[in-house]
Amino acid sequence: LGGSAGSFYDGRRVSLRMSPALNISRHVEIRPGYDI
């Protein structure tokens, strides 16, 4: 999980990101990811 905030060239930028991983069982793994 992570994020950043601050100035960006002549403006501003805010970002968030996540990339968790979860094993439902030893047969199924889910790895979603989202960057904004």
Full PDB file with SEQRES, HELIX, SHEET, SSBOND, CRYST1, ORIGX, SCALE, CONECT and MASTER records, all heavy atoms in Angstrom:
SEQRES   1 A   36  LEU GLY GLY SER ALA GLY SER PHE TYR ASP GLY ARG ARG          
SEQRES   2 A   36  VAL SER LEU ARG MET SER PRO ALA LEU ASN ILE SER ARG          
SEQRES   3 A   36  HIS VAL GLU ILE ARG PRO GLY TYR ASP ILE                      
SHEET    1 AA1 3 GLY A   2  PHE A   8  0                                        
SHEET    2 AA1 3 GLY A  11  MET A  18 -1                                        
SHEET    3 AA1 3 TYR A  34  ASP A  35 -1                                        
SHEET    1 AA2 2 LEU A  22  ASN A  23  0                                        
SHEET    2 AA2 2 GLU A  29  ILE A  30 -1                                        
CRYST1    1.000    1.000    1.000  90.00  90.00  90.00 P 1           1          
ORIGX1      1.000000  0.000000  0.000000        0.00000                         
ORIGX2      0.000000  1.000000  0.000000        0.00000                         
ORIGX3      0.000000  0.000000  1.000000        0.00000                         
SCALE1      1.000000  0.000000  0.000000        0.00000                         
SCALE2      0.000000  1.000000  0.000000        0.00000                         
SCALE3      0.000000  0.000000  1.000000        0.00000                         
ATOM      1  N   LEU A   1       0.866  -1.175   0.000  1.00  0.00           N  
ATOM      2  CA  LEU A   1       0.000   0.000   0.000  1.00  0.00           C  
ATOM      3  C   LEU A   1       0.899   1.219   0.000  1.00  0.00           C  
ATOM      4  O   LEU A   1       1.975   1.212   0.614  1.00  0.00           O  
ATOM      5  CB  LEU A   1      -0.911   0.025   1.230  1.00  0.00           C  
ATOM      6  CG  LEU A   1      -1.788  -1.198   1.493  1.00  0.00           C  
ATOM      7  CD1 LEU A   1      -2.418  -1.099   2.874  1.00  0.00           C  
ATOM      8  CD2 LEU A   1      -2.873  -1.307   0.424  1.00  0.00           C  
ATOM      9  N   GLY A   2       0.475   2.271  -0.664  1.00  0.00           N  
ATOM     10  CA  GLY A   2       1.303   3.464  -0.675  1.00  0.00           C  
ATOM     11  C   GLY A   2       0.576   4.665  -1.229  1.00  0.00           C  
ATOM     12  O   GLY A   2      -0.517   4.561  -1.803  1.00  0.00           O  
ATOM     13  N   GLY A   3       1.180   5.814  -1.044  1.00  0.00           N  
ATOM     14  CA  GLY A   3       0.611   7.045  -1.562  1.00  0.00           C  
ATOM     15  C   GLY A   3       1.623   8.162  -1.501  1.00  0.00           C  
ATOM     16  O   GLY A   3       2.651   8.072  -0.815  1.00  0.00           O  
ATOM     17  N   SER A   4       1.346   9.223  -2.245  1.00  0.00           N  
ATOM     18  CA  SER A   4       2.219  10.391  -2.253  1.00  0.00           C  
ATOM     19  C   SER A   4       1.387  11.632  -2.497  1.00  0.00           C  
ATOM     20  O   SER A   4       0.287  11.566  -3.062  1.00  0.00           O  
ATOM     21  CB  SER A   4       3.310  10.263  -3.330  1.00  0.00           C  
ATOM     22  OG  SER A   4       2.732  10.217  -4.624  1.00  0.00           O  
ATOM     23  N   ALA A   5       1.913  12.775  -2.073  1.00  0.00           N  
ATOM     24  CA  ALA A   5       1.233  14.051  -2.283  1.00  0.00           C  
ATOM     25  C   ALA A   5       2.275  15.148  -2.317  1.00  0.00           C  
ATOM     26  O   ALA A   5       3.293  15.078  -1.611  1.00  0.00           O  
ATOM     27  CB  ALA A   5       0.212  14.312  -1.178  1.00  0.00           C  
ATOM     28  N   GLY A   6       2.015  16.167  -3.143  1.00  0.00           N  
ATOM     29  CA  GLY A   6       2.938  17.284  -3.205  1.00  0.00           C  
ATOM     30  C   GLY A   6       2.765  18.074  -4.484  1.00  0.00           C  
ATOM     31  O   GLY A   6       1.827  17.859  -5.267  1.00  0.00           O  
ATOM     32  N   SER A   7       3.679  19.000  -4.703  1.00  0.00           N  
ATOM     33  CA  SER A   7       3.647  19.798  -5.926  1.00  0.00           C  
ATOM     34  C   SER A   7       4.138  18.959  -7.099  1.00  0.00           C  
ATOM     35  O   SER A   7       4.897  17.996  -6.931  1.00  0.00           O  
ATOM     36  CB  SER A   7       4.508  21.052  -5.762  1.00  0.00           C  
ATOM     37  OG  SER A   7       5.815  20.723  -5.332  1.00  0.00           O  
ATOM     38  N   PHE A   8       3.687  19.345  -8.301  1.00  0.00           N  
ATOM     39  CA  PHE A   8       4.024  18.600  -9.515  1.00  0.00           C  
ATOM     40  C   PHE A   8       4.118  19.603 -10.654  1.00  0.00           C  
ATOM     41  O   PHE A   8       3.094  20.149 -11.092  1.00  0.00           O  
ATOM     42  CB  PHE A   8       2.953  17.548  -9.790  1.00  0.00           C  
ATOM     43  CG  PHE A   8       3.270  16.614 -10.926  1.00  0.00           C  
ATOM     44  CD1 PHE A   8       4.233  15.630 -10.792  1.00  0.00           C  
ATOM     45  CD2 PHE A   8       2.601  16.738 -12.137  1.00  0.00           C  
ATOM     46  CE1 PHE A   8       4.527  14.774 -11.829  1.00  0.00           C  
ATOM     47  CE2 PHE A   8       2.886  15.882 -13.191  1.00  0.00           C  
ATOM     48  CZ  PHE A   8       3.854  14.896 -13.040  1.00  0.00           C  
ATOM     49  N   TYR A   9       5.352  19.879 -11.092  1.00  0.00           N  
ATOM     50  CA  TYR A   9       5.605  20.953 -12.053  1.00  0.00           C  
ATOM     51  C   TYR A   9       4.967  22.230 -11.526  1.00  0.00           C  
ATOM     52  O   TYR A   9       5.294  22.652 -10.412  1.00  0.00           O  
ATOM     53  CB  TYR A   9       5.140  20.552 -13.454  1.00  0.00           C  
ATOM     54  CG  TYR A   9       6.038  19.468 -14.040  1.00  0.00           C  
ATOM     55  CD1 TYR A   9       5.718  18.119 -13.904  1.00  0.00           C  
ATOM     56  CD2 TYR A   9       7.227  19.795 -14.663  1.00  0.00           C  
ATOM     57  CE1 TYR A   9       6.561  17.126 -14.385  1.00  0.00           C  
ATOM     58  CE2 TYR A   9       8.079  18.812 -15.162  1.00  0.00           C  
ATOM     59  CZ  TYR A   9       7.744  17.476 -15.021  1.00  0.00           C  
ATOM     60  OH  TYR A   9       8.582  16.507 -15.486  1.00  0.00           O  
ATOM     61  N   ASP A  10       4.021  22.856 -12.240  1.00  0.00           N  
ATOM     62  CA  ASP A  10       3.436  24.104 -11.739  1.00  0.00           C  
ATOM     63  C   ASP A  10       2.106  23.871 -11.028  1.00  0.00           C  
ATOM     64  O   ASP A  10       1.334  24.807 -10.811  1.00  0.00           O  
ATOM     65  CB  ASP A  10       3.231  25.092 -12.886  1.00  0.00           C  
ATOM     66  CG  ASP A  10       2.393  24.526 -14.020  1.00  0.00           C  
ATOM     67  OD1 ASP A  10       2.254  23.285 -14.090  1.00  0.00           O  
ATOM     68  OD2 ASP A  10       1.876  25.318 -14.830  1.00  0.00           O  
ATOM     69  N   GLY A  11       1.811  22.621 -10.655  1.00  0.00           N  
ATOM     70  CA  GLY A  11       0.555  22.315  -9.985  1.00  0.00           C  
ATOM     71  C   GLY A  11       0.760  21.347  -8.840  1.00  0.00           C  
ATOM     72  O   GLY A  11       1.793  21.357  -8.157  1.00  0.00           O  
ATOM     73  N   ARG A  12      -0.235  20.447  -8.650  1.00  0.00           N  
ATOM     74  CA  ARG A  12      -0.192  19.487  -7.552  1.00  0.00           C  
ATOM     75  C   ARG A  12      -0.585  18.110  -8.068  1.00  0.00           C  
ATOM     76  O   ARG A  12      -1.307  17.971  -9.058  1.00  0.00           O  
ATOM     77  CB  ARG A  12      -1.160  19.896  -6.432  1.00  0.00           C  
ATOM     78  CG  ARG A  12      -0.832  21.211  -5.762  1.00  0.00           C  
ATOM     79  CD  ARG A  12      -1.723  21.439  -4.541  1.00  0.00           C  
ATOM     80  NE  ARG A  12      -3.129  21.504  -4.896  1.00  0.00           N  
ATOM     81  CZ  ARG A  12      -3.774  22.602  -5.272  1.00  0.00           C  
ATOM     82  NH1 ARG A  12      -3.096  23.742  -5.341  1.00  0.00           N  
ATOM     83  NH2 ARG A  12      -5.057  22.570  -5.566  1.00  0.00           N  
ATOM     84  N   ARG A  13      -0.121  17.096  -7.336  1.00  0.00           N  
ATOM     85  CA  ARG A  13      -0.510  15.722  -7.642  1.00  0.00           C  
ATOM     86  C   ARG A  13      -0.661  14.940  -6.342  1.00  0.00           C  
ATOM     87  O   ARG A  13       0.158  15.060  -5.430  1.00  0.00           O  
ATOM     88  CB  ARG A  13       0.536  15.022  -8.525  1.00  0.00           C  
ATOM     89  CG  ARG A  13       0.181  13.573  -8.876  1.00  0.00           C  
ATOM     90  CD  ARG A  13       1.228  12.961  -9.794  1.00  0.00           C  
ATOM     91  NE  ARG A  13       2.447  12.622  -9.070  1.00  0.00           N  
ATOM     92  CZ  ARG A  13       2.732  11.407  -8.600  1.00  0.00           C  
ATOM     93  NH1 ARG A  13       1.859  10.414  -8.756  1.00  0.00           N  
ATOM     94  NH2 ARG A  13       3.862  11.177  -7.973  1.00  0.00           N  
ATOM     95  N   VAL A  14      -1.712  14.139  -6.278  1.00  0.00           N  
ATOM     96  CA  VAL A  14      -1.936  13.221  -5.178  1.00  0.00           C  
ATOM     97  C   VAL A  14      -2.126  11.835  -5.777  1.00  0.00           C  
ATOM     98  O   VAL A  14      -2.854  11.675  -6.760  1.00  0.00           O  
ATOM     99  CB  VAL A  14      -3.169  13.609  -4.338  1.00  0.00           C  
ATOM    100  CG1 VAL A  14      -3.413  12.580  -3.235  1.00  0.00           C  
ATOM    101  CG2 VAL A  14      -2.992  14.994  -3.736  1.00  0.00           C  
ATOM    102  N   SER A  15      -1.467  10.822  -5.210  1.00  0.00           N  
ATOM    103  CA  SER A  15      -1.598   9.473  -5.748  1.00  0.00           C  
ATOM    104  C   SER A  15      -1.791   8.476  -4.618  1.00  0.00           C  
ATOM    105  O   SER A  15      -1.285   8.665  -3.510  1.00  0.00           O  
ATOM    106  CB  SER A  15      -0.373   9.088  -6.580  1.00  0.00           C  
ATOM    107  OG  SER A  15       0.742   8.852  -5.748  1.00  0.00           O  
ATOM    108  N   LEU A  16      -2.534   7.426  -4.904  1.00  0.00           N  
ATOM    109  CA  LEU A  16      -2.716   6.293  -4.007  1.00  0.00           C  
ATOM    110  C   LEU A  16      -2.542   5.022  -4.819  1.00  0.00           C  
ATOM    111  O   LEU A  16      -2.922   4.976  -5.998  1.00  0.00           O  
ATOM    112  CB  LEU A  16      -4.104   6.313  -3.360  1.00  0.00           C  
ATOM    113  CG  LEU A  16      -4.405   7.450  -2.391  1.00  0.00           C  
ATOM    114  CD1 LEU A  16      -5.882   7.419  -1.995  1.00  0.00           C  
ATOM    115  CD2 LEU A  16      -3.526   7.355  -1.152  1.00  0.00           C  
ATOM    116  N   ARG A  17      -1.977   4.000  -4.214  1.00  0.00           N  
ATOM    117  CA  ARG A  17      -1.806   2.732  -4.917  1.00  0.00           C  
ATOM    118  C   ARG A  17      -1.928   1.584  -3.921  1.00  0.00           C  
ATOM    119  O   ARG A  17      -1.603   1.728  -2.735  1.00  0.00           O  
ATOM    120  CB  ARG A  17      -0.453   2.666  -5.627  1.00  0.00           C  
ATOM    121  CG  ARG A  17       0.734   2.667  -4.695  1.00  0.00           C  
ATOM    122  CD  ARG A  17       2.054   2.697  -5.439  1.00  0.00           C  
ATOM    123  NE  ARG A  17       3.189   2.600  -4.543  1.00  0.00           N  
ATOM    124  CZ  ARG A  17       3.708   3.612  -3.876  1.00  0.00           C  
ATOM    125  NH1 ARG A  17       3.190   4.831  -4.007  1.00  0.00           N  
ATOM    126  NH2 ARG A  17       4.740   3.436  -3.073  1.00  0.00           N  
ATOM    127  N   MET A  18      -2.407   0.465  -4.401  1.00  0.00           N  
ATOM    128  CA  MET A  18      -2.482  -0.723  -3.569  1.00  0.00           C  
ATOM    129  C   MET A  18      -2.365  -1.950  -4.456  1.00  0.00           C  
ATOM    130  O   MET A  18      -2.828  -1.960  -5.594  1.00  0.00           O  
ATOM    131  CB  MET A  18      -3.790  -0.765  -2.774  1.00  0.00           C  
ATOM    132  CG  MET A  18      -5.032  -0.867  -3.615  1.00  0.00           C  
ATOM    133  SD  MET A  18      -6.499  -1.049  -2.573  1.00  0.00           S  
ATOM    134  CE  MET A  18      -7.773  -1.278  -3.834  1.00  0.00           C  
ATOM    135  N   SER A  19      -1.739  -2.984  -3.923  1.00  0.00           N  
ATOM    136  CA  SER A  19      -1.592  -4.248  -4.652  1.00  0.00           C  
ATOM    137  C   SER A  19      -1.607  -5.395  -3.649  1.00  0.00           C  
ATOM    138  O   SER A  19      -0.569  -6.027  -3.418  1.00  0.00           O  
ATOM    139  CB  SER A  19      -0.312  -4.259  -5.483  1.00  0.00           C  
ATOM    140  OG  SER A  19       0.812  -3.989  -4.654  1.00  0.00           O  
ATOM    141  N   PRO A  20      -2.753  -5.653  -3.020  1.00  0.00           N  
ATOM    142  CA  PRO A  20      -2.833  -6.745  -2.047  1.00  0.00           C  
ATOM    143  C   PRO A  20      -2.887  -8.103  -2.732  1.00  0.00           C  
ATOM    144  O   PRO A  20      -3.140  -8.209  -3.941  1.00  0.00           O  
ATOM    145  CB  PRO A  20      -4.138  -6.447  -1.303  1.00  0.00           C  
ATOM    146  CG  PRO A  20      -4.980  -5.748  -2.316  1.00  0.00           C  
ATOM    147  CD  PRO A  20      -4.025  -4.944  -3.157  1.00  0.00           C  
ATOM    148  N   ALA A  21      -2.677  -9.146  -1.958  1.00  0.00           N  
ATOM    149  CA  ALA A  21      -2.798 -10.526  -2.437  1.00  0.00           C  
ATOM    150  C   ALA A  21      -3.471 -11.335  -1.338  1.00  0.00           C  
ATOM    151  O   ALA A  21      -3.139 -11.197  -0.156  1.00  0.00           O  
ATOM    152  CB  ALA A  21      -1.426 -11.113  -2.767  1.00  0.00           C  
ATOM    153  N   LEU A  22      -4.426 -12.167  -1.746  1.00  0.00           N  
ATOM    154  CA  LEU A  22      -5.206 -12.940  -0.792  1.00  0.00           C  
ATOM    155  C   LEU A  22      -5.424 -14.334  -1.342  1.00  0.00           C  
ATOM    156  O   LEU A  22      -5.827 -14.503  -2.494  1.00  0.00           O  
ATOM    157  CB  LEU A  22      -6.560 -12.264  -0.538  1.00  0.00           C  
ATOM    158  CG  LEU A  22      -7.568 -13.032   0.316  1.00  0.00           C  
ATOM    159  CD1 LEU A  22      -7.050 -13.184   1.739  1.00  0.00           C  
ATOM    160  CD2 LEU A  22      -8.915 -12.335   0.303  1.00  0.00           C  
ATOM    161  N   ASN A  23      -5.151 -15.337  -0.519  1.00  0.00           N  
ATOM    162  CA  ASN A  23      -5.424 -16.722  -0.893  1.00  0.00           C  
ATOM    163  C   ASN A  23      -6.747 -17.158  -0.276  1.00  0.00           C  
ATOM    164  O   ASN A  23      -6.858 -17.287   0.948  1.00  0.00           O  
ATOM    165  CB  ASN A  23      -4.293 -17.642  -0.429  1.00  0.00           C  
ATOM    166  CG  ASN A  23      -3.062 -17.518  -1.294  1.00  0.00           C  
ATOM    167  OD1 ASN A  23      -2.205 -16.682  -1.022  1.00  0.00           O  
ATOM    168  ND2 ASN A  23      -2.990 -18.320  -2.341  1.00  0.00           N  
ATOM    169  N   ILE A  24      -7.751 -17.381  -1.137  1.00  0.00           N  
ATOM    170  CA  ILE A  24      -9.037 -17.880  -0.677  1.00  0.00           C  
ATOM    171  C   ILE A  24      -8.866 -19.303  -0.143  1.00  0.00           C  
ATOM    172  O   ILE A  24      -9.465 -19.696   0.850  1.00  0.00           O  
ATOM    173  CB  ILE A  24     -10.068 -17.851  -1.812  1.00  0.00           C  
ATOM    174  CG1 ILE A  24     -10.172 -16.440  -2.392  1.00  0.00           C  
ATOM    175  CG2 ILE A  24     -11.424 -18.341  -1.334  1.00  0.00           C  
ATOM    176  CD1 ILE A  24     -10.595 -15.391  -1.391  1.00  0.00           C  
ATOM    177  N   SER A  25      -8.049 -20.067  -0.814  1.00  0.00           N  
ATOM    178  CA  SER A  25      -7.657 -21.404  -0.394  1.00  0.00           C  
ATOM    179  C   SER A  25      -6.315 -21.672  -1.048  1.00  0.00           C  
ATOM    180  O   SER A  25      -5.760 -20.805  -1.726  1.00  0.00           O  
ATOM    181  CB  SER A  25      -8.698 -22.447  -0.834  1.00  0.00           C  
ATOM    182  OG  SER A  25      -8.643 -22.650  -2.243  1.00  0.00           O  
ATOM    183  N   ARG A  26      -5.783 -22.875  -0.876  1.00  0.00           N  
ATOM    184  CA  ARG A  26      -4.513 -23.175  -1.537  1.00  0.00           C  
ATOM    185  C   ARG A  26      -4.697 -23.382  -3.031  1.00  0.00           C  
ATOM    186  O   ARG A  26      -3.720 -23.553  -3.758  1.00  0.00           O  
ATOM    187  CB  ARG A  26      -3.857 -24.396  -0.916  1.00  0.00           C  
ATOM    188  CG  ARG A  26      -4.630 -25.697  -1.034  1.00  0.00           C  
ATOM    189  CD  ARG A  26      -3.824 -26.831  -0.441  1.00  0.00           C  
ATOM    190  NE  ARG A  26      -4.474 -28.125  -0.591  1.00  0.00           N  
ATOM    191  CZ  ARG A  26      -3.853 -29.277  -0.437  1.00  0.00           C  
ATOM    192  NH1 ARG A  26      -2.574 -29.303  -0.132  1.00  0.00           N  
ATOM    193  NH2 ARG A  26      -4.494 -30.415  -0.586  1.00  0.00           N  
ATOM    194  N   HIS A  27      -5.949 -23.336  -3.511  1.00  0.00           N  
ATOM    195  CA  HIS A  27      -6.235 -23.491  -4.937  1.00  0.00           C  
ATOM    196  C   HIS A  27      -6.508 -22.158  -5.636  1.00  0.00           C  
ATOM    197  O   HIS A  27      -6.421 -22.084  -6.862  1.00  0.00           O  
ATOM    198  CB  HIS A  27      -7.445 -24.412  -5.140  1.00  0.00           C  
ATOM    199  CG  HIS A  27      -7.272 -25.784  -4.579  1.00  0.00           C  
ATOM    200  ND1 HIS A  27      -6.470 -26.725  -5.179  1.00  0.00           N  
ATOM    201  CD2 HIS A  27      -7.786 -26.373  -3.473  1.00  0.00           C  
ATOM    202  CE1 HIS A  27      -6.496 -27.852  -4.466  1.00  0.00           C  
ATOM    203  NE2 HIS A  27      -7.286 -27.656  -3.426  1.00  0.00           N  
ATOM    204  N   VAL A  28      -6.889 -21.117  -4.878  1.00  0.00           N  
ATOM    205  CA  VAL A  28      -7.323 -19.856  -5.489  1.00  0.00           C  
ATOM    206  C   VAL A  28      -6.582 -18.690  -4.847  1.00  0.00           C  
ATOM    207  O   VAL A  28      -6.563 -18.561  -3.614  1.00  0.00           O  
ATOM    208  CB  VAL A  28      -8.841 -19.655  -5.337  1.00  0.00           C  
ATOM    209  CG1 VAL A  28      -9.262 -18.330  -5.991  1.00  0.00           C  
ATOM    210  CG2 VAL A  28      -9.605 -20.812  -5.951  1.00  0.00           C  
ATOM    211  N   GLU A  29      -5.991 -17.847  -5.689  1.00  0.00           N  
ATOM    212  CA  GLU A  29      -5.333 -16.628  -5.217  1.00  0.00           C  
ATOM    213  C   GLU A  29      -5.863 -15.439  -6.001  1.00  0.00           C  
ATOM    214  O   GLU A  29      -5.998 -15.487  -7.224  1.00  0.00           O  
ATOM    215  CB  GLU A  29      -3.813 -16.720  -5.392  1.00  0.00           C  
ATOM    216  CG  GLU A  29      -3.080 -15.474  -4.901  1.00  0.00           C  
ATOM    217  CD  GLU A  29      -1.577 -15.589  -5.012  1.00  0.00           C  
ATOM    218  OE1 GLU A  29      -1.044 -15.342  -6.110  1.00  0.00           O  
ATOM    219  OE2 GLU A  29      -0.947 -15.934  -3.996  1.00  0.00           O  
ATOM    220  N   ILE A  30      -6.157 -14.352  -5.288  1.00  0.00           N  
ATOM    221  CA  ILE A  30      -6.643 -13.110  -5.897  1.00  0.00           C  
ATOM    222  C   ILE A  30      -5.619 -12.016  -5.625  1.00  0.00           C  
ATOM    223  O   ILE A  30      -5.204 -11.811  -4.479  1.00  0.00           O  
ATOM    224  CB  ILE A  30      -8.016 -12.709  -5.325  1.00  0.00           C  
ATOM    225  CG1 ILE A  30      -9.048 -13.808  -5.596  1.00  0.00           C  
ATOM    226  CG2 ILE A  30      -8.489 -11.395  -5.929  1.00  0.00           C  
ATOM    227  CD1 ILE A  30     -10.399 -13.529  -4.971  1.00  0.00           C  
ATOM    228  N   ARG A  31      -5.229 -11.291  -6.674  1.00  0.00           N  
ATOM    229  CA  ARG A  31      -4.274 -10.193  -6.536  1.00  0.00           C  
ATOM    230  C   ARG A  31      -4.815  -8.963  -7.266  1.00  0.00           C  
ATOM    231  O   ARG A  31      -4.474  -8.713  -8.420  1.00  0.00           O  
ATOM    232  CB  ARG A  31      -2.904 -10.585  -7.095  1.00  0.00           C  
ATOM    233  CG  ARG A  31      -2.268 -11.774  -6.417  1.00  0.00           C  
ATOM    234  CD  ARG A  31      -0.801 -11.939  -6.779  1.00  0.00           C  
ATOM    235  NE  ARG A  31      -0.557 -11.922  -8.203  1.00  0.00           N  
ATOM    236  CZ  ARG A  31      -0.693 -12.954  -9.020  1.00  0.00           C  
ATOM    237  NH1 ARG A  31      -1.118 -14.121  -8.531  1.00  0.00           N  
ATOM    238  NH2 ARG A  31      -0.444 -12.857 -10.293  1.00  0.00           N  
ATOM    239  N   PRO A  32      -5.666  -8.167  -6.600  1.00  0.00           N  
ATOM    240  CA  PRO A  32      -6.128  -6.931  -7.232  1.00  0.00           C  
ATOM    241  C   PRO A  32      -5.064  -5.842  -7.124  1.00  0.00           C  
ATOM    242  O   PRO A  32      -4.171  -5.900  -6.272  1.00  0.00           O  
ATOM    243  CB  PRO A  32      -7.376  -6.571  -6.421  1.00  0.00           C  
ATOM    244  CG  PRO A  32      -7.110  -7.155  -5.069  1.00  0.00           C  
ATOM    245  CD  PRO A  32      -6.278  -8.396  -5.290  1.00  0.00           C  
ATOM    246  N   GLY A  33      -5.177  -4.840  -7.972  1.00  0.00           N  
ATOM    247  CA  GLY A  33      -4.280  -3.698  -7.908  1.00  0.00           C  
ATOM    248  C   GLY A  33      -4.988  -2.460  -8.410  1.00  0.00           C  
ATOM    249  O   GLY A  33      -5.823  -2.532  -9.327  1.00  0.00           O  
ATOM    250  N   TYR A  34      -4.679  -1.332  -7.789  1.00  0.00           N  
ATOM    251  CA  TYR A  34      -5.354  -0.094  -8.192  1.00  0.00           C  
ATOM    252  C   TYR A  34      -4.426   1.084  -7.939  1.00  0.00           C  
ATOM    253  O   TYR A  34      -3.890   1.238  -6.836  1.00  0.00           O  
ATOM    254  CB  TYR A  34      -6.656   0.083  -7.419  1.00  0.00           C  
ATOM    255  CG  TYR A  34      -7.457   1.303  -7.807  1.00  0.00           C  
ATOM    256  CD1 TYR A  34      -7.910   1.478  -9.114  1.00  0.00           C  
ATOM    257  CD2 TYR A  34      -7.760   2.287  -6.868  1.00  0.00           C  
ATOM    258  CE1 TYR A  34      -8.641   2.588  -9.473  1.00  0.00           C  
ATOM    259  CE2 TYR A  34      -8.495   3.405  -7.215  1.00  0.00           C  
ATOM    260  CZ  TYR A  34      -8.930   3.555  -8.521  1.00  0.00           C  
ATOM    261  OH  TYR A  34      -9.655   4.665  -8.881  1.00  0.00           O  
ATOM    262  N   ASP A  35      -4.219   1.905  -8.967  1.00  0.00           N  
ATOM    263  CA  ASP A  35      -3.451   3.141  -8.864  1.00  0.00           C  
ATOM    264  C   ASP A  35      -4.344   4.292  -9.297  1.00  0.00           C  
ATOM    265  O   ASP A  35      -4.979   4.228 -10.365  1.00  0.00           O  
ATOM    266  CB  ASP A  35      -2.219   3.110  -9.779  1.00  0.00           C  
ATOM    267  CG  ASP A  35      -1.203   2.063  -9.373  1.00  0.00           C  
ATOM    268  OD1 ASP A  35      -1.505   1.267  -8.467  1.00  0.00           O  
ATOM    269  OD2 ASP A  35      -0.112   2.038  -9.965  1.00  0.00           O  
ATOM    270  N   ILE A  36      -4.381   5.356  -8.497  1.00  0.00           N  
ATOM    271  CA  ILE A  36      -5.152   6.536  -8.853  1.00  0.00           C  
ATOM    272  C   ILE A  36      -4.264   7.759  -8.691  1.00  0.00           C  
ATOM    273  O   ILE A  36      -3.512   7.870  -7.718  1.00  0.00           O  
ATOM    274  CB  ILE A  36      -6.437   6.656  -8.001  1.00  0.00           C  
ATOM    275  CG1 ILE A  36      -7.240   7.894  -8.421  1.00  0.00           C  
ATOM    276  CG2 ILE A  36      -6.128   6.664  -6.505  1.00  0.00           C  
ATOM    277  CD1 ILE A  36      -8.600   7.973  -7.778  1.00  0.00           C  
TER     278      ILE A  36                                                      
MASTER        0    0    0    0    5    0    0    6  277    1    0    3          
END                                                                             
